[in-house]
Amino acid sequence: MRIVVVIVLVWLIVGAVAAGQRGYFSNTSETSCASAGTIAVTVIAGPLNYLGVNPKISNCTLPQPSP
């Protein structure tokens, strides 16, 4: 069980490093649902980022409160 936890943590750390290398954490002027989604998908993709996967979320709509 511990090995699975270690593998998942390493996977997510590699994904976070990939997102950092792409500058997703430093661009704080554009905070939107799409940018947060792109960061999340990049982190989840993990090592696949280094195999050419470049996930991006281009459009995102948040639910609006009822009137």
PDB file of N, CA and C in Angstrom:
ATOM      1  N   MET A   1       0.822  -1.197   0.000  1.00  0.00           N
ATOM      2  CA  MET A   1       0.000   0.000   0.000  1.00  0.00           C
ATOM      3  C   MET A   1       0.869   1.266   0.000  1.00  0.00           C
ATOM      4  N   ARG A   2       1.963   1.229   0.754  1.00  0.00           N
ATOM      5  CA  ARG A   2       2.841   2.401   0.819  1.00  0.00           C
ATOM      6  C   ARG A   2       3.456   2.729  -0.532  1.00  0.00           C
ATOM      7  N   ILE A   3       3.772   1.692  -1.285  1.00  0.00           N
ATOM      8  CA  ILE A   3       4.394   1.932  -2.588  1.00  0.00           C
ATOM      9  C   ILE A   3       3.441   2.670  -3.512  1.00  0.00           C
ATOM     10  N   VAL A   4       2.160   2.389  -3.424  1.00  0.00           N
ATOM     11  CA  VAL A   4       1.163   3.083  -4.249  1.00  0.00           C
ATOM     12  C   VAL A   4       1.113   4.554  -3.866  1.00  0.00           C
ATOM     13  N   VAL A   5       1.134   4.848  -2.588  1.00  0.00           N
ATOM     14  CA  VAL A   5       1.114   6.233  -2.110  1.00  0.00           C
ATOM     15  C   VAL A   5       2.360   6.971  -2.590  1.00  0.00           C
ATOM     16  N   VAL A   6       3.507   6.315  -2.519  1.00  0.00           N
ATOM     17  CA  VAL A   6       4.760   6.939  -2.964  1.00  0.00           C
ATOM     18  C   VAL A   6       4.709   7.203  -4.468  1.00  0.00           C
ATOM     19  N   ILE A   7       4.204   6.250  -5.237  1.00  0.00           N
ATOM     20  CA  ILE A   7       4.110   6.431  -6.688  1.00  0.00           C
ATOM     21  C   ILE A   7       3.179   7.589  -7.026  1.00  0.00           C
ATOM     22  N   VAL A   8       2.035   7.674  -6.358  1.00  0.00           N
ATOM     23  CA  VAL A   8       1.087   8.768  -6.620  1.00  0.00           C
ATOM     24  C   VAL A   8       1.706  10.108  -6.256  1.00  0.00           C
ATOM     25  N   LEU A   9       2.391  10.187  -5.127  1.00  0.00           N
ATOM     26  CA  LEU A   9       3.024  11.445  -4.722  1.00  0.00           C
ATOM     27  C   LEU A   9       4.110  11.863  -5.710  1.00  0.00           C
ATOM     28  N   VAL A  10       4.928  10.926  -6.142  1.00  0.00           N
ATOM     29  CA  VAL A  10       5.976  11.250  -7.125  1.00  0.00           C
ATOM     30  C   VAL A  10       5.334  11.690  -8.433  1.00  0.00           C
ATOM     31  N   TRP A  11       4.266  11.023  -8.856  1.00  0.00           N
ATOM     32  CA  TRP A  11       3.543  11.373 -10.086  1.00  0.00           C
ATOM     33  C   TRP A  11       3.061  12.826 -10.016  1.00  0.00           C
ATOM     34  N   LEU A  12       2.435  13.204  -8.893  1.00  0.00           N
ATOM     35  CA  LEU A  12       1.907  14.563  -8.744  1.00  0.00           C
ATOM     36  C   LEU A  12       3.022  15.599  -8.623  1.00  0.00           C
ATOM     37  N   ILE A  13       4.111  15.244  -7.981  1.00  0.00           N
ATOM     38  CA  ILE A  13       5.243  16.170  -7.875  1.00  0.00           C
ATOM     39  C   ILE A  13       5.839  16.440  -9.256  1.00  0.00           C
ATOM     40  N   VAL A  14       5.979  15.398 -10.059  1.00  0.00           N
ATOM     41  CA  VAL A  14       6.501  15.578 -11.425  1.00  0.00           C
ATOM     42  C   VAL A  14       5.550  16.464 -12.222  1.00  0.00           C
ATOM     43  N   GLY A  15       4.247  16.272 -12.056  1.00  0.00           N
ATOM     44  CA  GLY A  15       3.269  17.122 -12.733  1.00  0.00           C
ATOM     45  C   GLY A  15       3.352  18.569 -12.291  1.00  0.00           C
ATOM     46  N   ALA A  16       3.563  18.791 -10.998  1.00  0.00           N
ATOM     47  CA  ALA A  16       3.705  20.154 -10.497  1.00  0.00           C
ATOM     48  C   ALA A  16       4.969  20.809 -11.034  1.00  0.00           C
ATOM     49  N   VAL A  17       6.035  20.040 -11.151  1.00  0.00           N
ATOM     50  CA  VAL A  17       7.277  20.568 -11.729  1.00  0.00           C
ATOM     51  C   VAL A  17       7.045  20.955 -13.190  1.00  0.00           C
ATOM     52  N   ALA A  18       6.329  20.118 -13.931  1.00  0.00           N
ATOM     53  CA  ALA A  18       6.033  20.424 -15.335  1.00  0.00           C
ATOM     54  C   ALA A  18       5.201  21.694 -15.450  1.00  0.00           C
ATOM     55  N   ALA A  19       4.210  21.858 -14.580  1.00  0.00           N
ATOM     56  CA  ALA A  19       3.389  23.073 -14.599  1.00  0.00           C
ATOM     57  C   ALA A  19       4.235  24.299 -14.254  1.00  0.00           C
ATOM     58  N   GLY A  20       5.149  24.145 -13.320  1.00  0.00           N
ATOM     59  CA  GLY A  20       6.044  25.245 -12.969  1.00  0.00           C
ATOM     60  C   GLY A  20       6.967  25.619 -14.107  1.00  0.00           C
ATOM     61  N   GLN A  21       7.483  24.622 -14.825  1.00  0.00           N
ATOM     62  CA  GLN A  21       8.365  24.890 -15.959  1.00  0.00           C
ATOM     63  C   GLN A  21       7.629  25.599 -17.088  1.00  0.00           C
ATOM     64  N   ARG A  22       6.345  25.370 -17.202  1.00  0.00           N
ATOM     65  CA  ARG A  22       5.550  26.043 -18.231  1.00  0.00           C
ATOM     66  C   ARG A  22       5.090  27.428 -17.786  1.00  0.00           C
ATOM     67  N   GLY A  23       5.399  27.798 -16.562  1.00  0.00           N
ATOM     68  CA  GLY A  23       5.082  29.136 -16.078  1.00  0.00           C
ATOM     69  C   GLY A  23       3.649  29.313 -15.610  1.00  0.00           C
ATOM     70  N   TYR A  24       2.948  28.222 -15.341  1.00  0.00           N
ATOM     71  CA  TYR A  24       1.552  28.331 -14.945  1.00  0.00           C
ATOM     72  C   TYR A  24       1.383  28.925 -13.544  1.00  0.00           C
ATOM     73  N   PHE A  25       2.359  28.753 -12.670  1.00  0.00           N
ATOM     74  CA  PHE A  25       2.242  29.279 -11.310  1.00  0.00           C
ATOM     75  C   PHE A  25       2.663  30.743 -11.217  1.00  0.00           C
ATOM     76  N   SER A  26       3.458  31.230 -12.146  1.00  0.00           N
ATOM     77  CA  SER A  26       3.958  32.595 -12.067  1.00  0.00           C
ATOM     78  C   SER A  26       3.027  33.610 -12.720  1.00  0.00           C
ATOM     79  N   ASN A  27       2.117  33.173 -13.558  1.00  0.00           N
ATOM     80  CA  ASN A  27       1.205  34.076 -14.249  1.00  0.00           C
ATOM     81  C   ASN A  27      -0.033  34.306 -13.384  1.00  0.00           C
ATOM     82  N   THR A  28       0.091  35.207 -12.390  1.00  0.00           N
ATOM     83  CA  THR A  28      -1.010  35.432 -11.464  1.00  0.00           C
ATOM     84  C   THR A  28      -1.980  36.497 -11.955  1.00  0.00           C
ATOM     85  N   SER A  29      -1.651  37.198 -13.044  1.00  0.00           N
ATOM     86  CA  SER A  29      -2.554  38.240 -13.532  1.00  0.00           C
ATOM     87  C   SER A  29      -3.798  37.641 -14.184  1.00  0.00           C
ATOM     88  N   GLU A  30      -3.690  36.439 -14.705  1.00  0.00           N
ATOM     89  CA  GLU A  30      -4.826  35.796 -15.362  1.00  0.00           C
ATOM     90  C   GLU A  30      -5.337  34.648 -14.495  1.00  0.00           C
ATOM     91  N   THR A  31      -6.189  34.973 -13.541  1.00  0.00           N
ATOM     92  CA  THR A  31      -6.772  33.934 -12.709  1.00  0.00           C
ATOM     93  C   THR A  31      -8.195  33.692 -13.174  1.00  0.00           C
ATOM     94  N   SER A  32      -8.422  32.517 -13.682  1.00  0.00           N
ATOM     95  CA  SER A  32      -9.741  32.163 -14.169  1.00  0.00           C
ATOM     96  C   SER A  32      -9.955  30.677 -13.968  1.00  0.00           C
ATOM     97  N   CYS A  33     -11.157  30.266 -14.241  1.00  0.00           N
ATOM     98  CA  CYS A  33     -11.495  28.854 -14.154  1.00  0.00           C
ATOM     99  C   CYS A  33     -10.660  28.045 -15.143  1.00  0.00           C
ATOM    100  N   ALA A  34     -10.459  28.594 -16.332  1.00  0.00           N
ATOM    101  CA  ALA A  34      -9.695  27.888 -17.360  1.00  0.00           C
ATOM    102  C   ALA A  34      -8.232  27.726 -16.962  1.00  0.00           C
ATOM    103  N   SER A  35      -7.638  28.764 -16.388  1.00  0.00           N
ATOM    104  CA  SER A  35      -6.227  28.650 -15.998  1.00  0.00           C
ATOM    105  C   SER A  35      -6.069  27.684 -14.821  1.00  0.00           C
ATOM    106  N   ALA A  36      -7.002  27.697 -13.890  1.00  0.00           N
ATOM    107  CA  ALA A  36      -6.948  26.749 -12.773  1.00  0.00           C
ATOM    108  C   ALA A  36      -7.137  25.319 -13.280  1.00  0.00           C
ATOM    109  N   GLY A  37      -8.025  25.142 -14.244  1.00  0.00           N
ATOM    110  CA  GLY A  37      -8.233  23.825 -14.827  1.00  0.00           C
ATOM    111  C   GLY A  37      -7.011  23.320 -15.565  1.00  0.00           C
ATOM    112  N   THR A  38      -6.344  24.214 -16.284  1.00  0.00           N
ATOM    113  CA  THR A  38      -5.127  23.835 -17.010  1.00  0.00           C
ATOM    114  C   THR A  38      -4.040  23.397 -16.040  1.00  0.00           C
ATOM    115  N   ILE A  39      -3.883  24.120 -14.950  1.00  0.00           N
ATOM    116  CA  ILE A  39      -2.889  23.747 -13.940  1.00  0.00           C
ATOM    117  C   ILE A  39      -3.230  22.385 -13.352  1.00  0.00           C
ATOM    118  N   ALA A  40      -4.495  22.184 -12.999  1.00  0.00           N
ATOM    119  CA  ALA A  40      -4.907  20.912 -12.398  1.00  0.00           C
ATOM    120  C   ALA A  40      -4.681  19.738 -13.349  1.00  0.00           C
ATOM    121  N   VAL A  41      -5.052  19.905 -14.606  1.00  0.00           N
ATOM    122  CA  VAL A  41      -4.891  18.817 -15.575  1.00  0.00           C
ATOM    123  C   VAL A  41      -3.418  18.542 -15.839  1.00  0.00           C
ATOM    124  N   THR A  42      -2.603  19.572 -15.865  1.00  0.00           N
ATOM    125  CA  THR A  42      -1.167  19.395 -16.078  1.00  0.00           C
ATOM    126  C   THR A  42      -0.545  18.632 -14.916  1.00  0.00           C
ATOM    127  N   VAL A  43      -0.928  18.986 -13.695  1.00  0.00           N
ATOM    128  CA  VAL A  43      -0.391  18.288 -12.522  1.00  0.00           C
ATOM    129  C   VAL A  43      -0.845  16.832 -12.522  1.00  0.00           C
ATOM    130  N   ILE A  44      -2.108  16.588 -12.854  1.00  0.00           N
ATOM    131  CA  ILE A  44      -2.624  15.217 -12.861  1.00  0.00           C
ATOM    132  C   ILE A  44      -1.976  14.390 -13.966  1.00  0.00           C
ATOM    133  N   ALA A  45      -1.660  15.012 -15.102  1.00  0.00           N
ATOM    134  CA  ALA A  45      -1.018  14.275 -16.196  1.00  0.00           C
ATOM    135  C   ALA A  45       0.386  13.818 -15.820  1.00  0.00           C
ATOM    136  N   GLY A  46       1.005  14.501 -14.862  1.00  0.00           N
ATOM    137  CA  GLY A  46       2.296  14.077 -14.321  1.00  0.00           C
ATOM    138  C   GLY A  46       3.373  13.873 -15.364  1.00  0.00           C
ATOM    139  N   PRO A  47       4.047  12.731 -15.329  1.00  0.00           N
ATOM    140  CA  PRO A  47       5.153  12.457 -16.252  1.00  0.00           C
ATOM    141  C   PRO A  47       4.745  12.417 -17.725  1.00  0.00           C
ATOM    142  N   LEU A  48       3.474  12.276 -18.002  1.00  0.00           N
ATOM    143  CA  LEU A  48       3.033  12.275 -19.397  1.00  0.00           C
ATOM    144  C   LEU A  48       3.326  13.609 -20.081  1.00  0.00           C
ATOM    145  N   ASN A  49       3.475  14.669 -19.292  1.00  0.00           N
ATOM    146  CA  ASN A  49       3.823  15.978 -19.846  1.00  0.00           C
ATOM    147  C   ASN A  49       5.146  15.923 -20.591  1.00  0.00           C
ATOM    148  N   TYR A  50       6.066  15.114 -20.107  1.00  0.00           N
ATOM    149  CA  TYR A  50       7.380  15.023 -20.738  1.00  0.00           C
ATOM    150  C   TYR A  50       7.380  14.092 -21.946  1.00  0.00           C
ATOM    151  N   LEU A  51       6.257  13.435 -22.182  1.00  0.00           N
ATOM    152  CA  LEU A  51       6.113  12.586 -23.369  1.00  0.00           C
ATOM    153  C   LEU A  51       5.326  13.295 -24.464  1.00  0.00           C
ATOM    154  N   GLY A  52       5.051  14.583 -24.269  1.00  0.00           N
ATOM    155  CA  GLY A  52       4.392  15.367 -25.307  1.00  0.00           C
ATOM    156  C   GLY A  52       2.952  15.739 -25.011  1.00  0.00           C
ATOM    157  N   VAL A  53       2.399  15.273 -23.899  1.00  0.00           N
ATOM    158  CA  VAL A  53       1.028  15.645 -23.549  1.00  0.00           C
ATOM    159  C   VAL A  53       1.034  17.100 -23.085  1.00  0.00           C
ATOM    160  N   ASN A  54       0.184  17.922 -23.657  1.00  0.00           N
ATOM    161  CA  ASN A  54       0.098  19.332 -23.290  1.00  0.00           C
ATOM    162  C   ASN A  54      -1.369  19.689 -23.045  1.00  0.00           C
ATOM    163  N   PRO A  55      -1.907  19.276 -21.895  1.00  0.00           N
ATOM    164  CA  PRO A  55      -3.329  19.521 -21.644  1.00  0.00           C
ATOM    165  C   PRO A  55      -3.610  20.993 -21.368  1.00  0.00           C
ATOM    166  N   LYS A  56      -4.688  21.484 -21.954  1.00  0.00           N
ATOM    167  CA  LYS A  56      -5.119  22.865 -21.722  1.00  0.00           C
ATOM    168  C   LYS A  56      -6.633  22.903 -21.664  1.00  0.00           C
ATOM    169  N   ILE A  57      -7.146  23.726 -20.788  1.00  0.00           N
ATOM    170  CA  ILE A  57      -8.573  23.983 -20.695  1.00  0.00           C
ATOM    171  C   ILE A  57      -8.777  25.373 -21.279  1.00  0.00           C
ATOM    172  N   SER A  58      -9.501  25.482 -22.377  1.00  0.00           N
ATOM    173  CA  SER A  58      -9.624  26.777 -23.044  1.00  0.00           C
ATOM    174  C   SER A  58     -10.897  27.526 -22.659  1.00  0.00           C
ATOM    175  N   ASN A  59     -11.914  26.817 -22.225  1.00  0.00           N
ATOM    176  CA  ASN A  59     -13.155  27.484 -21.890  1.00  0.00           C
ATOM    177  C   ASN A  59     -13.754  26.820 -20.656  1.00  0.00           C
ATOM    178  N   CYS A  60     -14.255  27.630 -19.758  1.00  0.00           N
ATOM    179  CA  CYS A  60     -14.811  27.095 -18.527  1.00  0.00           C
ATOM    180  C   CYS A  60     -15.905  28.049 -18.054  1.00  0.00           C
ATOM    181  N   THR A  61     -17.060  27.534 -17.747  1.00  0.00           N
ATOM    182  CA  THR A  61     -18.132  28.389 -17.231  1.00  0.00           C
ATOM    183  C   THR A  61     -18.505  27.924 -15.839  1.00  0.00           C
ATOM    184  N   LEU A  62     -18.532  28.863 -14.942  1.00  0.00           N
ATOM    185  CA  LEU A  62     -18.930  28.573 -13.575  1.00  0.00           C
ATOM    186  C   LEU A  62     -20.432  28.730 -13.422  1.00  0.00           C
ATOM    187  N   PRO A  63     -21.045  27.928 -12.570  1.00  0.00           N
ATOM    188  CA  PRO A  63     -22.486  28.085 -12.367  1.00  0.00           C
ATOM    189  C   PRO A  63     -22.806  29.419 -11.700  1.00  0.00           C
ATOM    190  N   GLN A  64     -23.895  30.020 -12.123  1.00  0.00           N
ATOM    191  CA  GLN A  64     -24.320  31.304 -11.571  1.00  0.00           C
ATOM    192  C   GLN A  64     -25.374  31.079 -10.497  1.00  0.00           C
ATOM    193  N   PRO A  65     -25.390  31.916  -9.468  1.00  0.00           N
ATOM    194  CA  PRO A  65     -26.387  31.758  -8.420  1.00  0.00           C
ATOM    195  C   PRO A  65     -27.793  32.060  -8.939  1.00  0.00           C
ATOM    196  N   SER A  66     -28.755  31.450  -8.335  1.00  0.00           N
ATOM    197  CA  SER A  66     -30.148  31.698  -8.734  1.00  0.00           C
ATOM    198  C   SER A  66     -30.555  33.096  -8.341  1.00  0.00           C
ATOM    199  N   PRO A  67     -31.421  33.743  -9.164  1.00  0.00           N
ATOM    200  CA  PRO A  67     -31.851  35.111  -8.834  1.00  0.00           C
ATOM    201  C   PRO A  67     -32.811  35.152  -7.669  1.00  0.00           C
TER     202      PRO A  67
END
